[in-house]
C-alpha atoms as a PDB file:
ATOM      1  CA  MET A   1      12.651   1.693 -10.015  1.00  0.00           C
ATOM      2  CA  ASN A   2      15.504   2.541 -12.343  1.00  0.00           C
ATOM      3  CA  ILE A   3      18.355   0.013 -13.162  1.00  0.00           C
ATOM      4  CA  TYR A   4      20.711   0.384 -15.304  1.00  0.00           C
ATOM      5  CA  LYS A   5      23.145  -2.625 -16.496  1.00  0.00           C
ATOM      6  CA  GLY A   6      21.980  -5.392 -14.038  1.00  0.00           C
ATOM      7  CA  LEU A   7      23.436  -8.611 -14.259  1.00  0.00           C
ATOM      8  CA  SER A   8      20.669  -9.981 -11.525  1.00  0.00           C
ATOM      9  CA  ASN A   9      18.335  -7.959 -10.317  1.00  0.00           C
ATOM     10  CA  LYS A  10      16.028  -8.954  -7.104  1.00  0.00           C
ATOM     11  CA  ILE A  11      13.461  -6.429  -5.929  1.00  0.00           C
ATOM     12  CA  ASN A  12      11.691  -7.501  -3.533  1.00  0.00           C
ATOM     13  CA  TYR A  13       9.876  -6.167  -0.700  1.00  0.00           C
ATOM     14  CA  ASN A  14       8.319  -3.460  -1.920  1.00  0.00           C
ATOM     15  CA  ASN A  15       5.864  -1.106  -2.559  1.00  0.00           C
ATOM     16  CA  ILE A  16       5.356  -0.146  -5.698  1.00  0.00           C
ATOM     17  CA  TYR A  17       2.874   2.380  -7.203  1.00  0.00           C
ATOM     18  CA  SER A  18       0.997   5.675  -8.434  1.00  0.00           C
ATOM     19  CA  ASN A  19       4.165   6.032 -10.707  1.00  0.00           C
ATOM     20  CA  TYR A  20       3.202   7.669 -13.412  1.00  0.00           C
ATOM     21  CA  GLU A  21       4.668   6.085 -16.480  1.00  0.00           C
ATOM     22  CA  ASN A  22       6.721   2.260 -15.170  1.00  0.00           C
ATOM     23  CA  GLY A  23       6.916   0.506 -11.097  1.00  0.00           C
ATOM     24  CA  ILE A  24       9.944  -0.507 -12.695  1.00  0.00           C
ATOM     25  CA  TYR A  25      12.238   0.622 -15.834  1.00  0.00           C
ATOM     26  CA  PHE A  26      15.247  -0.988 -16.992  1.00  0.00           C
ATOM     27  CA  PHE A  27      17.656  -0.886 -19.480  1.00  0.00           C
ATOM     28  CA  GLU A  28      20.729  -3.185 -20.148  1.00  0.00           C
ATOM     29  CA  SER A  29      19.204  -5.371 -17.962  1.00  0.00           C
ATOM     30  CA  ILE A  30      20.440  -9.452 -17.845  1.00  0.00           C
ATOM     31  CA  GLY A  31      19.957 -12.335 -15.990  1.00  0.00           C
ATOM     32  CA  VAL A  32      18.246 -12.706 -13.339  1.00  0.00           C
ATOM     33  CA  LYS A  33      14.621 -10.374 -12.545  1.00  0.00           C
ATOM     34  CA  ASN A  34      12.948 -11.380  -9.431  1.00  0.00           C
ATOM     35  CA  PHE A  35      10.213  -8.552  -8.700  1.00  0.00           C
ATOM     36  CA  LYS A  36       8.826 -10.873  -6.351  1.00  0.00           C
ATOM     37  CA  HIS A  37       6.412 -10.440  -3.455  1.00  0.00           C
ATOM     38  CA  ASN A  38       6.136  -6.894  -4.551  1.00  0.00           C
ATOM     39  CA  TRP A  39       2.403  -4.816  -4.032  1.00  0.00           C
ATOM     40  CA  TRP A  40       1.875  -3.075  -8.117  1.00  0.00           C
ATOM     41  CA  GLY A  41      -0.920  -0.821  -6.562  1.00  0.00           C
ATOM     42  CA  SER A  42      -3.722  -3.865  -7.548  1.00  0.00           C
ATOM     43  CA  ARG A  43      -4.493  -7.759  -6.622  1.00  0.00           C
ATOM     44  CA  PHE A  44      -3.605  -8.869  -9.748  1.00  0.00           C
ATOM     45  CA  GLY A  45       0.084  -7.645 -10.284  1.00  0.00           C
ATOM     46  CA  PRO A  46       1.836  -5.814 -12.470  1.00  0.00           C
ATOM     47  CA  SER A  47       0.020  -4.020 -15.778  1.00  0.00           C
ATOM     48  CA  GLY A  48       1.009  -6.046 -18.583  1.00  0.00           C
ATOM     49  CA  PHE A  49      -0.076  -8.801 -16.898  1.00  0.00           C
ATOM     50  CA  LEU A  50      -3.690 -10.454 -18.670  1.00  0.00           C
ATOM     51  CA  ASN A  51      -4.180  -6.138 -18.639  1.00  0.00           C
ATOM     52  CA  LEU A  52      -4.673  -5.511 -15.456  1.00  0.00           C
ATOM     53  CA  ARG A  53      -3.732  -2.377 -13.440  1.00  0.00           C
ATOM     54  CA  GLY A  54      -0.845  -2.477 -11.586  1.00  0.00           C
ATOM     55  CA  ASP A  55       2.450  -0.684 -12.372  1.00  0.00           C
ATOM     56  CA  LYS A  56       3.933  -1.220 -15.393  1.00  0.00           C
ATOM     57  CA  ILE A  57       7.572  -3.381 -16.177  1.00  0.00           C
ATOM     58  CA  THR A  58       9.258  -1.721 -18.915  1.00  0.00           C
ATOM     59  CA  GLY A  59      12.665  -2.305 -20.532  1.00  0.00           C
ATOM     60  CA  LEU A  60      15.238  -0.633 -23.721  1.00  0.00           C
ATOM     61  CA  ASN A  61      17.611  -3.502 -24.666  1.00  0.00           C
ATOM     62  CA  GLN A  62      21.588  -1.793 -25.427  1.00  0.00           C
ATOM     63  CA  ASN A  63      20.022   0.286 -28.583  1.00  0.00           C
ATOM     64  CA  GLY A  64      17.431   1.991 -26.423  1.00  0.00           C
ATOM     65  CA  VAL A  65      14.841  -0.446 -27.948  1.00  0.00           C
ATOM     66  CA  ILE A  66      11.855  -1.417 -25.982  1.00  0.00           C
ATOM     67  CA  ILE A  67      11.860  -4.986 -24.285  1.00  0.00           C
ATOM     68  CA  THR A  68       8.303  -6.529 -24.968  1.00  0.00           C
ATOM     69  CA  THR A  69       8.176  -8.654 -21.864  1.00  0.00           C
ATOM     70  CA  LEU A  70       5.673 -11.284 -22.000  1.00  0.00           C
ATOM     71  CA  PRO A  71       3.001 -11.877 -19.734  1.00  0.00           C
ATOM     72  CA  ILE A  72       3.687 -15.356 -19.624  1.00  0.00           C
ATOM     73  CA  GLN A  73       7.241 -13.864 -18.984  1.00  0.00           C
ATOM     74  CA  LYS A  74       6.339 -10.991 -15.925  1.00  0.00           C
ATOM     75  CA  LEU A  75       4.444 -13.917 -13.867  1.00  0.00           C
ATOM     76  CA  LEU A  76       7.537 -16.276 -14.331  1.00  0.00           C
ATOM     77  CA  PHE A  77       9.492 -12.471 -12.472  1.00  0.00           C
ATOM     78  CA  CYS A  78       7.008 -11.281 -10.723  1.00  0.00           C
ATOM     79  CA  HIS A  79       4.698 -14.434  -9.007  1.00  0.00           C
ATOM     80  CA  PRO A  80       3.784 -14.011  -6.358  1.00  0.00           C
ATOM     81  CA  TRP A  81       3.071 -10.513  -5.318  1.00  0.00           C
ATOM     82  CA  GLU A  82       1.561  -8.949  -2.879  1.00  0.00           C
ATOM     83  CA  LYS A  83      -2.167  -8.868  -2.448  1.00  0.00           C
ATOM     84  CA  GLN A  84      -2.411  -5.360  -0.512  1.00  0.00           C
ATOM     85  CA  LYS A  85       0.222  -2.664  -0.074  1.00  0.00           C
ATOM     86  CA  ILE A  86       3.143  -3.538   2.184  1.00  0.00           C
ATOM     87  CA  ASP A  87       2.170  -1.838   6.216  1.00  0.00           C
ATOM     88  CA  PHE A  88       5.698  -1.953   7.436  1.00  0.00           C
ATOM     89  CA  ASN A  89       4.345  -0.034  11.142  1.00  0.00           C
ATOM     90  CA  ASP A  90       3.303  -3.427  11.112  1.00  0.00           C
ATOM     91  CA  SER A  91       4.886  -4.925  14.327  1.00  0.00           C
END
């Protein structure tokens, strides 16, 4: 999922997993990042948080420099996350 120049980003209740490099990639994204209630391919959430195995969240600033997101920041805008893949056929 790519986000370009977003002011407020809310991506919820998705299955984000098995991506080659990133689950979410943002460029020049500022403001609120709400990536809660997603399945990241791991019951422990996105990778980069405690070095676990879910899909990665990466960002670049306006100069093309990689934004390092601290694990606690990822926790704040990703937690709570889904502990298993979301079944959209469940009624």
